[in-house]
Amino acid sequence: MLKFGLIGEQFKVTQGSIIDYTFPETGELTIHSPKNSRASFQLLLQSDEEFLLAVTNKPAFWKQGPINTLRTEVVCDGLEAEQLLVGLMEDDDRQLKADPLLHQETIHVPAWQKQAVWVELKLPQKLPAGKYTGKVRVFSHKMFEDETLVGELPFTIQLHDVTLPEPNARTFYLDLWQHCSNIARKHEVKLWSDEHFTILDGYVESLAALGQKAISVIVSEIPWSGQRTFQDRPSESDLFEYSMVAIRRDRGGNFHYDYSAMDRYIELCLKHGIAEEIEVFGLCNIWLGPEGGFHAFPQLLDDIRLRYLDEATGTYRFIRELPQIEDYIRALEEHFAQEGLLSKVRVLADEPADTEIYLRRLAWLRQTAPRFLYKAAINHIEMLEEQPERLVDYVPMFPFLCHYAEELPQLREKIKGKFLYYVCCGPKRPNTFLCSPLAESRLIPILAAFMGLDGFLRWNYTVWPERPRESIIYRPAVFPAGDTNFVYPSNSGKPILSLRYKALERGIEDFELLKLVEERCSNWEQVTQEYYALILRELDLKLHHPEEYQKEPEELYSLLEADYEKARLRLLEALEEGV
């Protein structure tokens, strides 16, 4: 017996060791959307017999013999529809969770296993507002039989006369760090080669589609010490990130710096509209690990690792003298100035543990390169209290903001630049792990709006462990599955997007709608209060602290897609009314 139905985009298939015979409630869908967006939902199928599922009109046969082949197609008033098979990834609890949106056109589905198909229809800015009706059709055949229509599932798109800005013009400040060395490794191409940049183009394009604002450049060797993989021996994963600047020392003892790889990557990002910021890693707060050998220069204030080719000997060495390191930093500052990019540069520190040491490092950097501005991802209050000179952008961890909820407006007033927040391998909720409800990925930007912040930062995008298409489990005691990536590598060189990526994108759209309401509606305070009342079960931010109050997620915010869609509709109606 075959069952199939339409279900919302925040549904996530979970497949455990015990067969789940149940089929969730599905029904006819009505999707409300602004222009310059997308209408998305999932087709869910389940049968008591194995079948081959095809989302293509090309011929498809199962390699192990004659079984039913199901084919799906989507039609909707001339709109272009895309279908993507939703893949499963093993989570830390050994259950399979839906996440990657696969590029393949067919998939074998075992008996009783639920299989989802992601359906997406583009809604461009020029499309007239109004109602669009569509159908998902399911066909069946075995071997050389003629296809038969098994059933049709109707859906409706209500396109409102509201237009979202283009991704590069959106106000939400998204900062997902890029790890280009890992992309080269997983796609098996030479670092900074033409092949590497061809592949990077697809990843940068996927970031730009989210509205990414920051370009990540690395200017010294392994600033995170490979995420300290040595602490979990034996470790198969290689997570080292290498410098984009090549250094050589000529026979006369003079140093020369080749910025071509860094400049090419910056140019690539600018081409795609990622243009607000160039975040520089590798000059401040280098991660150490003396027990693993990752503390090379204890005589220096910071462990900046600058590798160079010594042309006199033909060997590679590391710069160990402070004046030579300072010359490199000054030359880097001057290069950004000559390229007209210096105002965009932020020298970033990732979770400095000791405020006093960090302030000493900042003072040294300011003296060495006085034109640089700084940014820090922080998890303690002292940094905000100190307000060191030229540290303009602050990114506290979410629990930090909950703890200081009452002081948040005053903290915001003190900050000269951007005020973002971040989550990483903690807290447990809200987060974007494989085990996290998709509602939490959508909630992340909504919380930024609720807290009055500019946006969101996360350290991951492509920090894959080994063989990420097979498993993204990596040191689960530290990094819950999904903590290291939002996308997956494909054999074609293009990124495989995920349900979590799509949910984050939807939340960013919600953030933009909230900002549009604030700009255009005289009753915006009432509208936004009604919106948050539908999403947040608890409006007191301090109660969201995951350790201090330990409330269950559903006590703090809704996990129901219907609530998010109802809240979104309230914003769309307010904008159309223009009151």
Protein backbone atom coordinates (compact mmCIF):
# COMPACT_ATOMS: atom_id res chain seq x y z
CA MET A 1 0.00 0.00 0.00
CA LEU A 2 1.41 3.36 -1.08
CA LYS A 3 0.79 6.49 0.96
CA PHE A 4 1.78 9.98 -0.12
CA GLY A 5 0.93 13.55 0.84
CA LEU A 6 2.16 17.12 1.03
CA ILE A 7 3.74 18.43 4.20
CA GLY A 8 5.51 21.64 5.23
CA GLU A 9 9.14 22.54 4.68
CA GLN A 10 10.04 22.22 8.39
CA PHE A 11 9.16 18.52 8.55
CA LYS A 12 12.14 16.24 9.09
CA VAL A 13 12.09 12.50 8.42
CA THR A 14 13.71 10.44 11.18
CA GLN A 15 14.53 6.79 10.57
CA GLY A 16 15.49 4.67 13.59
CA SER A 17 16.49 1.06 14.06
CA ILE A 18 12.83 0.21 14.70
CA ILE A 19 10.56 0.50 11.66
CA ASP A 20 8.05 3.33 11.99
CA TYR A 21 4.85 2.33 10.19
CA THR A 22 3.03 5.57 10.94
CA PHE A 23 2.45 8.23 8.31
CA PRO A 24 2.12 11.83 9.52
CA GLU A 25 -0.96 13.86 8.81
CA THR A 26 -0.69 15.62 5.48
CA GLY A 27 -3.15 17.63 3.45
CA GLU A 28 -3.68 20.35 0.87
CA LEU A 29 -1.23 23.19 1.32
CA THR A 30 -1.72 26.93 0.99
CA ILE A 31 1.51 28.90 1.03
CA HIS A 32 1.59 32.66 1.62
CA SER A 33 4.67 34.38 0.27
CA PRO A 34 6.17 37.73 -0.68
CA LYS A 35 7.78 38.28 -4.05
CA ASN A 36 11.48 37.68 -4.61
CA SER A 37 11.18 34.55 -2.48
CA ARG A 38 10.28 30.89 -2.94
CA ALA A 39 7.38 28.59 -2.17
CA SER A 40 8.63 25.34 -0.65
CA PHE A 41 7.11 22.18 0.75
CA GLN A 42 7.78 18.46 0.85
CA LEU A 43 6.16 15.49 -0.83
CA LEU A 44 6.26 12.53 1.55
CA LEU A 45 5.93 8.93 0.35
CA GLN A 46 5.83 5.56 2.10
CA SER A 47 4.99 2.04 0.91
CA ASP A 48 4.84 -1.47 2.31
CA GLU A 49 7.03 -2.49 -0.65
CA GLU A 50 10.40 -1.20 -1.76
CA PHE A 51 10.34 1.18 -4.73
CA LEU A 52 12.55 3.31 -6.92
CA LEU A 53 11.67 7.01 -6.76
CA ALA A 54 12.50 9.28 -9.71
CA VAL A 55 12.23 13.07 -9.81
CA THR A 56 13.09 13.15 -13.51
CA ASN A 57 11.37 12.30 -16.77
CA LYS A 58 14.42 10.30 -17.89
CA PRO A 59 14.23 6.47 -17.86
CA ALA A 60 15.07 4.84 -14.52
CA PHE A 61 15.56 1.15 -13.65
CA TRP A 62 16.58 -0.42 -10.35
CA LYS A 63 19.89 -2.26 -10.60
CA GLN A 64 18.71 -5.27 -8.56
CA GLY A 65 15.65 -6.17 -10.55
CA PRO A 66 11.99 -5.38 -11.23
CA ILE A 67 10.36 -3.21 -8.56
CA ASN A 68 7.83 -0.41 -8.80
CA THR A 69 9.19 2.87 -10.10
CA LEU A 70 7.43 6.01 -8.93
CA ARG A 71 7.89 9.26 -10.80
CA THR A 72 6.82 12.66 -9.52
CA GLU A 73 6.22 15.90 -11.36
CA VAL A 74 5.06 19.36 -10.32
CA VAL A 75 2.96 21.79 -12.37
CA CYS A 76 1.81 25.22 -11.21
CA ASP A 77 0.42 27.87 -13.56
CA GLY A 78 3.61 28.02 -15.58
CA LEU A 79 5.92 28.53 -12.60
CA GLU A 80 9.27 26.75 -12.65
CA ALA A 81 9.42 23.96 -10.07
CA GLU A 82 12.48 22.14 -8.74
CA GLN A 83 12.37 18.73 -7.07
CA LEU A 84 15.21 17.48 -4.87
CA LEU A 85 15.38 14.16 -3.08
CA VAL A 86 15.96 14.58 0.66
CA GLY A 87 18.79 12.41 1.91
CA LEU A 88 19.36 10.93 5.37
CA MET A 89 22.43 11.39 7.57
CA GLU A 90 23.34 9.46 10.68
CA ASP A 91 23.11 11.49 13.87
CA ASP A 92 25.06 10.99 17.09
CA ASP A 93 22.19 8.87 18.43
CA ARG A 94 22.68 6.54 15.41
CA GLN A 95 19.29 7.47 14.00
CA LEU A 96 19.04 8.73 10.44
CA LYS A 97 17.84 12.32 10.06
CA ALA A 98 16.75 14.09 6.88
CA ASP A 99 19.10 16.89 5.82
CA PRO A 100 20.97 16.97 2.45
CA LEU A 101 19.03 18.03 -0.65
CA LEU A 102 20.55 15.57 -3.06
CA HIS A 103 21.55 16.24 -6.65
CA GLN A 104 20.79 12.69 -7.77
CA GLU A 105 17.57 12.07 -9.70
CA THR A 106 16.61 8.64 -8.32
CA ILE A 107 16.72 6.89 -4.98
CA HIS A 108 15.89 3.39 -3.74
CA VAL A 109 13.39 3.45 -0.88
CA PRO A 110 13.11 0.34 1.35
CA ALA A 111 9.72 -0.93 2.47
CA TRP A 112 8.06 1.28 5.13
CA GLN A 113 10.78 3.92 4.98
CA LYS A 114 9.52 7.45 4.58
CA GLN A 115 11.04 9.37 1.70
CA ALA A 116 10.72 13.12 1.24
CA VAL A 117 11.02 15.19 -1.91
CA TRP A 118 11.80 18.88 -1.54
CA VAL A 119 9.64 20.96 -3.90
CA GLU A 120 10.58 24.57 -4.56
CA LEU A 121 9.03 27.18 -6.85
CA LYS A 122 10.76 30.49 -7.51
CA LEU A 123 8.65 33.62 -7.04
CA PRO A 124 10.50 36.43 -8.82
CA GLN A 125 9.94 40.11 -8.21
CA LYS A 126 8.12 40.68 -11.54
CA LEU A 127 5.56 37.94 -10.92
CA PRO A 128 2.07 39.48 -10.48
CA ALA A 129 0.53 39.12 -7.02
CA GLY A 130 -2.37 36.73 -6.78
CA LYS A 131 -3.31 33.08 -6.41
CA TYR A 132 -1.40 30.31 -8.17
CA THR A 133 -2.65 26.75 -8.11
CA GLY A 134 -0.60 23.66 -8.72
CA LYS A 135 -0.50 19.89 -8.48
CA VAL A 136 2.03 17.27 -7.56
CA ARG A 137 1.45 14.16 -9.66
CA VAL A 138 2.67 10.68 -8.78
CA PHE A 139 3.03 8.06 -11.53
CA SER A 140 3.86 4.37 -11.22
CA HIS A 141 5.15 1.60 -13.47
CA LYS A 142 7.23 -1.58 -13.32
CA MET A 143 9.87 -2.38 -15.93
CA PHE A 144 8.33 -1.97 -19.43
CA GLU A 145 4.78 -1.33 -18.32
CA ASP A 146 3.06 1.92 -19.26
CA GLU A 147 2.94 4.51 -16.50
CA THR A 148 -0.30 5.02 -14.61
CA LEU A 149 -1.29 8.09 -12.64
CA VAL A 150 -1.49 7.05 -9.00
CA GLY A 151 -2.77 10.38 -7.71
CA GLU A 152 -2.64 14.16 -7.71
CA LEU A 153 -2.05 16.47 -4.76
CA PRO A 154 -3.23 20.09 -5.10
CA PHE A 155 -1.52 23.11 -3.55
CA THR A 156 -2.04 26.88 -3.65
CA ILE A 157 0.43 29.74 -3.55
CA GLN A 158 -0.95 33.10 -2.43
CA LEU A 159 1.58 35.65 -3.67
CA HIS A 160 1.28 38.91 -1.75
CA ASP A 161 2.11 42.33 -3.14
CA VAL A 162 5.18 42.61 -0.95
CA THR A 163 8.73 42.37 -2.30
CA LEU A 164 11.76 41.21 -0.35
CA PRO A 165 15.08 42.94 -1.10
CA GLU A 166 17.71 41.08 -3.08
CA PRO A 167 19.94 38.97 -0.80
CA ASN A 168 22.90 41.37 -1.02
CA ALA A 169 20.62 44.30 -0.09
CA ARG A 170 19.04 42.69 2.96
CA THR A 171 19.64 44.18 6.37
CA PHE A 172 20.27 40.90 8.21
CA TYR A 173 24.00 40.66 8.85
CA LEU A 174 24.98 37.06 8.18
CA ASP A 175 28.52 35.93 8.92
CA LEU A 176 29.18 32.26 8.20
CA TRP A 177 32.93 31.61 8.24
CA GLN A 178 34.47 30.10 5.13
CA HIS A 179 37.08 27.33 5.23
CA CYS A 180 38.54 27.19 1.73
CA SER A 181 41.32 24.69 2.47
CA ASN A 182 38.80 22.07 3.52
CA ILE A 183 36.85 22.60 0.30
CA ALA A 184 40.02 21.93 -1.70
CA ARG A 185 40.73 18.74 0.26
CA LYS A 186 37.27 17.25 -0.05
CA HIS A 187 37.06 18.00 -3.76
CA GLU A 188 40.63 16.73 -4.27
CA VAL A 189 42.00 19.78 -6.07
CA LYS A 190 45.19 21.74 -5.48
CA LEU A 191 44.89 24.59 -3.00
CA TRP A 192 44.39 27.97 -4.75
CA SER A 193 44.48 26.37 -8.21
CA ASP A 194 42.12 27.37 -11.02
CA GLU A 195 40.15 24.18 -10.29
CA HIS A 196 39.87 25.21 -6.65
CA PHE A 197 38.50 28.64 -7.52
CA THR A 198 36.02 27.15 -9.97
CA ILE A 199 34.66 25.03 -7.11
CA LEU A 200 34.78 27.93 -4.65
CA ASP A 201 32.54 29.90 -7.00
CA GLY A 202 29.60 27.57 -6.28
CA TYR A 203 30.08 27.77 -2.53
CA VAL A 204 30.38 31.55 -2.56
CA GLU A 205 27.24 31.73 -4.71
CA SER A 206 25.34 29.63 -2.15
CA LEU A 207 26.48 31.95 0.64
CA ALA A 208 25.50 35.03 -1.35
CA ALA A 209 22.03 33.56 -1.86
CA LEU A 210 21.58 33.69 1.92
CA GLY A 211 22.70 37.32 2.08
CA GLN A 212 26.18 36.65 3.48
CA LYS A 213 28.00 39.88 4.35
CA ALA A 214 31.53 38.84 5.35
CA ILE A 215 34.50 37.45 3.41
CA SER A 216 36.78 35.16 5.46
CA VAL A 217 40.49 35.41 4.67
CA ILE A 218 43.28 33.60 6.50
CA VAL A 219 46.68 35.26 6.60
CA SER A 220 48.77 32.88 8.72
CA GLU A 221 49.03 29.12 9.02
CA ILE A 222 46.45 27.02 10.89
CA PRO A 223 45.07 29.71 13.24
CA TRP A 224 42.65 27.19 14.82
CA SER A 225 45.32 24.47 15.02
CA GLY A 226 43.06 22.16 13.04
CA GLN A 227 40.26 22.50 15.63
CA ARG A 228 42.70 20.63 17.92
CA THR A 229 42.02 17.26 16.33
CA PHE A 230 45.04 15.93 18.24
CA GLN A 231 42.90 15.90 21.38
CA ASP A 232 40.92 12.99 19.96
CA ARG A 233 43.57 10.55 18.77
CA PRO A 234 43.47 8.81 16.46
CA SER A 235 41.63 11.36 14.33
CA GLU A 236 41.06 10.83 10.62
CA SER A 237 39.82 14.37 10.02
CA ASP A 238 42.08 17.06 8.64
CA LEU A 239 40.66 20.47 9.56
CA PHE A 240 43.72 22.66 9.01
CA GLU A 241 43.19 25.99 7.26
CA TYR A 242 46.18 27.45 5.46
CA SER A 243 47.27 31.00 4.72
CA MET A 244 46.12 32.75 1.56
CA VAL A 245 49.38 34.75 1.49
CA ALA A 246 52.59 33.19 0.13
CA ILE A 247 55.86 34.51 1.58
CA ARG A 248 59.40 34.19 0.26
CA ARG A 249 62.76 35.54 1.38
CA ASP A 250 65.21 36.37 -1.38
CA ARG A 251 68.95 35.75 -1.26
CA GLY A 252 69.48 39.27 0.00
CA GLY A 253 67.32 38.61 3.06
CA ASN A 254 64.32 40.65 1.92
CA PHE A 255 60.78 39.33 2.36
CA HIS A 256 58.20 39.40 -0.43
CA TYR A 257 54.48 38.79 -0.02
CA ASP A 258 52.21 37.30 -2.67
CA TYR A 259 48.56 38.26 -2.05
CA SER A 260 47.23 36.87 -5.33
CA ALA A 261 45.20 33.97 -3.83
CA MET A 262 43.67 36.23 -1.17
CA ASP A 263 42.88 38.96 -3.69
CA ARG A 264 41.33 36.46 -6.08
CA TYR A 265 39.07 35.08 -3.37
CA ILE A 266 38.01 38.58 -2.28
CA GLU A 267 37.27 39.44 -5.91
CA LEU A 268 35.18 36.27 -6.25
CA CYS A 269 33.10 37.17 -3.20
CA LEU A 270 32.64 40.76 -4.34
CA LYS A 271 31.45 39.50 -7.72
CA HIS A 272 28.64 37.63 -5.96
CA GLY A 273 27.67 40.62 -3.82
CA ILE A 274 29.39 39.67 -0.56
CA ALA A 275 30.89 43.07 0.06
CA GLU A 276 30.32 44.41 3.58
CA GLU A 277 33.31 43.01 5.43
CA ILE A 278 36.66 41.26 5.07
CA GLU A 279 37.28 39.34 8.28
CA VAL A 280 40.95 38.53 8.78
CA PHE A 281 41.93 35.42 10.70
CA GLY A 282 45.42 34.55 11.85
CA LEU A 283 46.68 37.78 13.43
CA CYS A 284 45.05 37.59 16.84
CA ASN A 285 44.17 34.95 19.42
CA ILE A 286 45.73 31.96 17.67
CA TRP A 287 44.43 28.72 19.15
CA LEU A 288 47.09 26.82 21.02
CA GLY A 289 47.60 23.24 22.12
CA PRO A 290 51.04 22.79 23.66
CA GLU A 291 50.28 19.17 24.56
CA GLY A 292 49.85 18.45 20.87
CA GLY A 293 52.82 20.53 19.70
CA PHE A 294 50.75 23.55 18.65
CA HIS A 295 52.63 26.27 20.51
CA ALA A 296 55.57 27.09 18.28
CA PHE A 297 56.79 30.51 19.42
CA PRO A 298 56.40 31.02 23.17
CA GLN A 299 58.65 34.09 23.02
CA LEU A 300 55.97 35.99 21.06
CA LEU A 301 52.87 37.72 22.40
CA ASP A 302 50.72 35.70 19.99
CA ASP A 303 51.54 32.50 18.13
CA ILE A 304 51.31 33.90 14.59
CA ARG A 305 52.69 31.24 12.22
CA LEU A 306 54.20 32.69 9.03
CA ARG A 307 55.77 30.14 6.70
CA TYR A 308 58.15 31.32 3.98
CA LEU A 309 60.37 29.97 1.24
CA ASP A 310 64.03 30.78 1.92
CA GLU A 311 65.48 31.10 -1.58
CA ALA A 312 69.05 30.98 -0.27
CA THR A 313 68.62 27.42 1.01
CA GLY A 314 65.57 26.22 -0.93
CA THR A 315 63.86 25.31 2.33
CA TYR A 316 60.65 26.44 3.99
CA ARG A 317 60.94 28.09 7.38
CA PHE A 318 58.83 30.04 9.87
CA ILE A 319 59.35 33.67 10.83
CA ARG A 320 60.37 33.79 14.48
CA GLU A 321 61.55 37.36 14.96
CA LEU A 322 59.02 39.92 16.18
CA PRO A 323 60.22 42.79 13.92
CA GLN A 324 59.77 40.59 10.84
CA ILE A 325 56.24 39.61 11.94
CA GLU A 326 55.43 43.28 12.48
CA ASP A 327 56.75 44.09 8.99
CA TYR A 328 54.38 41.46 7.56
CA ILE A 329 51.39 42.92 9.43
CA ARG A 330 52.23 46.46 8.29
CA ALA A 331 52.62 45.28 4.71
CA LEU A 332 49.24 43.53 4.89
CA GLU A 333 47.60 46.68 6.21
CA GLU A 334 49.14 48.72 3.41
CA HIS A 335 48.03 46.20 0.80
CA PHE A 336 44.41 46.47 1.91
CA ALA A 337 44.74 50.26 1.86
CA GLN A 338 46.14 50.28 -1.68
CA GLU A 339 43.29 48.00 -2.83
CA GLY A 340 40.74 50.42 -1.34
CA LEU A 341 39.48 47.75 1.05
CA LEU A 342 40.88 48.84 4.41
CA SER A 343 37.57 50.21 5.73
CA LYS A 344 35.99 46.76 5.26
CA VAL A 345 38.72 44.88 7.15
CA ARG A 346 38.08 43.49 10.63
CA VAL A 347 40.85 41.59 12.38
CA LEU A 348 38.96 38.90 14.23
CA ALA A 349 39.59 37.13 17.53
CA ASP A 350 37.75 33.87 18.11
CA GLU A 351 36.75 33.48 21.76
CA PRO A 352 39.74 35.05 23.55
CA ALA A 353 39.81 33.26 26.89
CA ASP A 354 41.91 35.78 28.83
CA THR A 355 40.74 39.39 28.53
CA GLU A 356 44.00 40.84 29.85
CA ILE A 357 46.10 38.94 27.31
CA TYR A 358 43.72 39.85 24.51
CA LEU A 359 43.90 43.55 25.42
CA ARG A 360 47.71 43.37 25.35
CA ARG A 361 47.58 41.74 21.92
CA LEU A 362 45.18 44.42 20.69
CA ALA A 363 47.46 47.18 21.97
CA TRP A 364 50.43 45.63 20.13
CA LEU A 365 48.45 45.25 16.90
CA ARG A 366 47.13 48.81 17.12
CA GLN A 367 50.69 50.08 17.52
CA THR A 368 51.93 47.90 14.66
CA ALA A 369 49.08 48.57 12.22
CA PRO A 370 47.11 51.56 13.55
CA ARG A 371 44.54 51.62 10.72
CA PHE A 372 43.03 48.18 11.32
CA LEU A 373 39.64 47.77 13.01
CA TYR A 374 38.78 44.73 15.15
CA LYS A 375 36.00 42.27 15.85
CA ALA A 376 35.64 39.59 18.50
CA ALA A 377 33.48 36.55 19.17
CA ILE A 378 33.19 36.64 22.95
CA ASN A 379 31.65 34.61 25.74
CA HIS A 380 32.27 36.82 28.80
CA ILE A 381 31.27 40.33 29.87
CA GLU A 382 34.70 41.93 30.42
CA MET A 383 35.20 42.67 26.74
CA LEU A 384 32.08 44.81 26.57
CA GLU A 385 32.95 46.57 29.80
CA GLU A 386 36.48 47.42 28.61
CA GLN A 387 35.44 48.78 25.17
CA PRO A 388 39.05 48.74 23.90
CA GLU A 389 40.03 51.22 21.23
CA ARG A 390 39.24 50.20 17.62
CA LEU A 391 37.35 47.06 18.69
CA VAL A 392 34.11 48.00 16.94
CA ASP A 393 32.16 44.78 16.23
CA TYR A 394 31.01 42.47 19.04
CA VAL A 395 29.60 38.97 18.74
CA PRO A 396 28.53 37.51 22.12
CA MET A 397 27.37 33.93 22.53
CA PHE A 398 23.60 33.46 22.94
CA PRO A 399 23.63 32.41 26.64
CA PHE A 400 25.68 35.53 27.41
CA LEU A 401 22.90 37.72 26.00
CA CYS A 402 20.26 35.83 27.99
CA HIS A 403 22.21 36.34 31.20
CA TYR A 404 22.53 40.09 30.57
CA ALA A 405 19.06 40.51 29.06
CA GLU A 406 18.18 43.53 31.20
CA GLU A 407 21.40 45.35 30.26
CA LEU A 408 21.10 44.52 26.56
CA PRO A 409 19.75 47.94 25.41
CA GLN A 410 22.58 49.73 27.22
CA LEU A 411 25.17 47.34 25.80
CA ARG A 412 23.82 47.95 22.32
CA GLU A 413 24.22 51.70 22.70
CA LYS A 414 27.89 51.33 23.63
CA ILE A 415 28.84 49.36 20.53
CA LYS A 416 30.20 51.45 17.67
CA GLY A 417 29.83 48.85 14.93
CA LYS A 418 27.89 45.63 14.38
CA PHE A 419 26.30 43.70 17.23
CA LEU A 420 25.69 40.06 16.31
CA TYR A 421 25.31 36.86 18.29
CA TYR A 422 26.51 33.33 17.77
CA VAL A 423 25.97 29.72 18.67
CA CYS A 424 28.52 26.98 18.04
CA CYS A 425 28.93 23.54 19.64
CA GLY A 426 26.78 25.02 22.37
CA PRO A 427 24.23 25.78 23.61
CA LYS A 428 22.17 22.67 23.00
CA ARG A 429 19.22 24.85 22.05
CA PRO A 430 18.44 26.79 20.02
CA ASN A 431 20.95 25.53 17.50
CA THR A 432 21.41 24.15 14.00
CA PHE A 433 22.56 20.61 14.77
CA LEU A 434 21.30 17.59 12.89
CA CYS A 435 19.24 16.75 15.99
CA SER A 436 17.80 20.27 16.24
CA PRO A 437 14.23 20.86 15.08
CA LEU A 438 14.25 22.81 11.82
CA ALA A 439 12.19 25.43 13.62
CA GLU A 440 15.34 26.38 15.53
CA SER A 441 17.32 27.13 12.36
CA ARG A 442 14.44 29.39 11.32
CA LEU A 443 14.25 30.90 14.79
CA ILE A 444 17.92 32.02 14.81
CA PRO A 445 17.34 35.23 12.74
CA ILE A 446 14.00 35.87 14.45
CA LEU A 447 15.76 35.93 17.81
CA ALA A 448 18.26 38.45 16.42
CA ALA A 449 15.36 40.76 15.56
CA PHE A 450 13.73 40.16 18.95
CA MET A 451 16.96 41.07 20.77
CA GLY A 452 17.53 44.16 18.61
CA LEU A 453 20.75 42.78 17.10
CA ASP A 454 22.14 43.17 13.59
CA GLY A 455 22.55 39.51 12.74
CA PHE A 456 24.15 36.17 13.38
CA LEU A 457 27.56 34.49 13.18
CA ARG A 458 28.45 30.83 13.03
CA TRP A 459 31.86 29.24 12.62
CA ASN A 460 30.73 26.47 10.31
CA TYR A 461 29.78 26.15 6.67
CA THR A 462 32.11 23.54 5.19
CA VAL A 463 34.23 22.26 8.11
CA TRP A 464 33.58 18.68 7.12
CA PRO A 465 35.13 15.67 8.79
CA GLU A 466 36.41 12.89 6.56
CA ARG A 467 33.89 11.35 4.12
CA PRO A 468 31.08 13.86 4.87
CA ARG A 469 28.75 12.31 2.30
CA GLU A 470 28.77 9.14 4.42
CA SER A 471 28.71 10.71 7.89
CA ILE A 472 29.14 14.11 9.52
CA ILE A 473 29.67 12.63 12.98
CA TYR A 474 32.86 14.13 14.39
CA ARG A 475 33.98 14.11 18.04
CA PRO A 476 30.36 14.12 19.29
CA ALA A 477 31.41 14.94 22.85
CA VAL A 478 32.54 18.34 21.51
CA PHE A 479 30.87 18.84 18.12
CA PRO A 480 27.33 17.47 17.82
CA ALA A 481 26.58 16.17 14.33
CA GLY A 482 25.81 19.08 12.03
CA ASP A 483 27.85 21.55 14.07
CA THR A 484 30.55 21.59 11.41
CA ASN A 485 28.53 22.22 8.24
CA PHE A 486 25.44 23.68 6.59
CA VAL A 487 26.17 22.20 3.16
CA TYR A 488 27.81 19.06 1.75
CA PRO A 489 30.34 18.47 -1.05
CA SER A 490 29.09 16.91 -4.27
CA ASN A 491 30.91 14.96 -6.94
CA SER A 492 30.13 17.75 -9.41
CA GLY A 493 31.93 20.37 -7.32
CA LYS A 494 28.74 22.21 -6.40
CA PRO A 495 27.54 22.40 -2.79
CA ILE A 496 24.67 20.19 -1.71
CA LEU A 497 22.31 22.38 0.30
CA SER A 498 20.44 21.13 3.35
CA LEU A 499 17.11 21.44 5.11
CA ARG A 500 18.93 23.45 7.78
CA TYR A 501 20.24 25.85 5.14
CA LYS A 502 16.71 26.35 3.81
CA ALA A 503 15.27 26.88 7.30
CA LEU A 504 17.93 29.48 8.09
CA GLU A 505 17.16 31.20 4.80
CA ARG A 506 13.46 31.30 5.68
CA GLY A 507 14.26 32.84 9.05
CA ILE A 508 16.35 35.53 7.36
CA GLU A 509 13.33 36.37 5.21
CA ASP A 510 11.24 36.67 8.37
CA PHE A 511 13.83 39.10 9.77
CA GLU A 512 13.56 41.21 6.61
CA LEU A 513 9.76 41.26 6.79
CA LEU A 514 9.96 42.45 10.39
CA LYS A 515 12.27 45.28 9.33
CA LEU A 516 9.96 46.24 6.47
CA VAL A 517 7.01 46.38 8.88
CA GLU A 518 9.02 48.61 11.21
CA GLU A 519 9.90 50.95 8.34
CA ARG A 520 6.51 51.13 6.61
CA CYS A 521 3.73 50.50 9.12
CA SER A 522 2.62 53.07 11.66
CA ASN A 523 1.28 50.30 13.91
CA TRP A 524 4.49 48.29 13.63
CA GLU A 525 4.82 47.84 17.41
CA GLN A 526 1.45 46.15 17.64
CA VAL A 527 2.14 43.99 14.57
CA THR A 528 5.53 42.82 15.82
CA GLN A 529 4.12 42.07 19.28
CA GLU A 530 1.45 39.92 17.66
CA TYR A 531 4.15 38.24 15.58
CA TYR A 532 6.40 37.40 18.55
CA ALA A 533 3.40 36.19 20.57
CA LEU A 534 2.86 33.50 17.94
CA ILE A 535 6.52 32.41 17.85
CA LEU A 536 7.84 32.87 21.39
CA ARG A 537 6.19 31.06 24.29
CA GLU A 538 8.38 33.05 26.69
CA LEU A 539 9.06 36.74 26.02
CA ASP A 540 11.48 37.17 28.92
CA LEU A 541 14.88 36.67 27.29
CA LYS A 542 16.69 35.74 30.49
CA LEU A 543 14.51 32.62 30.81
CA HIS A 544 15.95 31.38 27.49
CA HIS A 545 19.35 30.82 29.14
CA PRO A 546 19.95 27.08 28.57
CA GLU A 547 21.84 26.41 31.81
CA GLU A 548 20.39 28.85 34.29
CA TYR A 549 16.71 27.92 33.74
CA GLN A 550 16.85 24.63 31.80
CA LYS A 551 13.42 24.95 30.24
CA GLU A 552 12.32 22.65 27.45
CA PRO A 553 12.41 24.18 23.95
CA GLU A 554 8.63 24.03 23.52
CA GLU A 555 8.28 26.09 26.74
CA LEU A 556 10.32 28.87 25.12
CA TYR A 557 9.33 28.94 21.45
CA SER A 558 7.03 27.21 19.03
CA LEU A 559 8.17 24.14 17.13
CA LEU A 560 5.04 24.16 14.97
CA GLU A 561 5.44 25.32 11.38
CA ALA A 562 1.82 26.49 11.39
CA ASP A 563 2.67 29.12 14.01
CA TYR A 564 5.56 30.48 11.94
CA GLU A 565 3.43 30.63 8.83
CA LYS A 566 0.57 32.35 10.66
CA ALA A 567 3.01 34.89 12.07
CA ARG A 568 4.52 35.45 8.61
CA LEU A 569 1.05 36.02 7.17
CA ARG A 570 0.43 38.70 9.80
CA LEU A 571 3.49 40.61 8.55
CA LEU A 572 2.48 40.24 4.90
CA GLU A 573 -1.04 41.50 5.58
CA ALA A 574 0.25 44.48 7.54
CA LEU A 575 2.60 45.43 4.71
CA GLU A 576 -0.18 45.14 2.13
CA GLU A 577 -2.48 47.26 4.25
CA GLY A 578 0.32 49.83 4.62
CA VAL A 579 -1.22 51.23 7.78
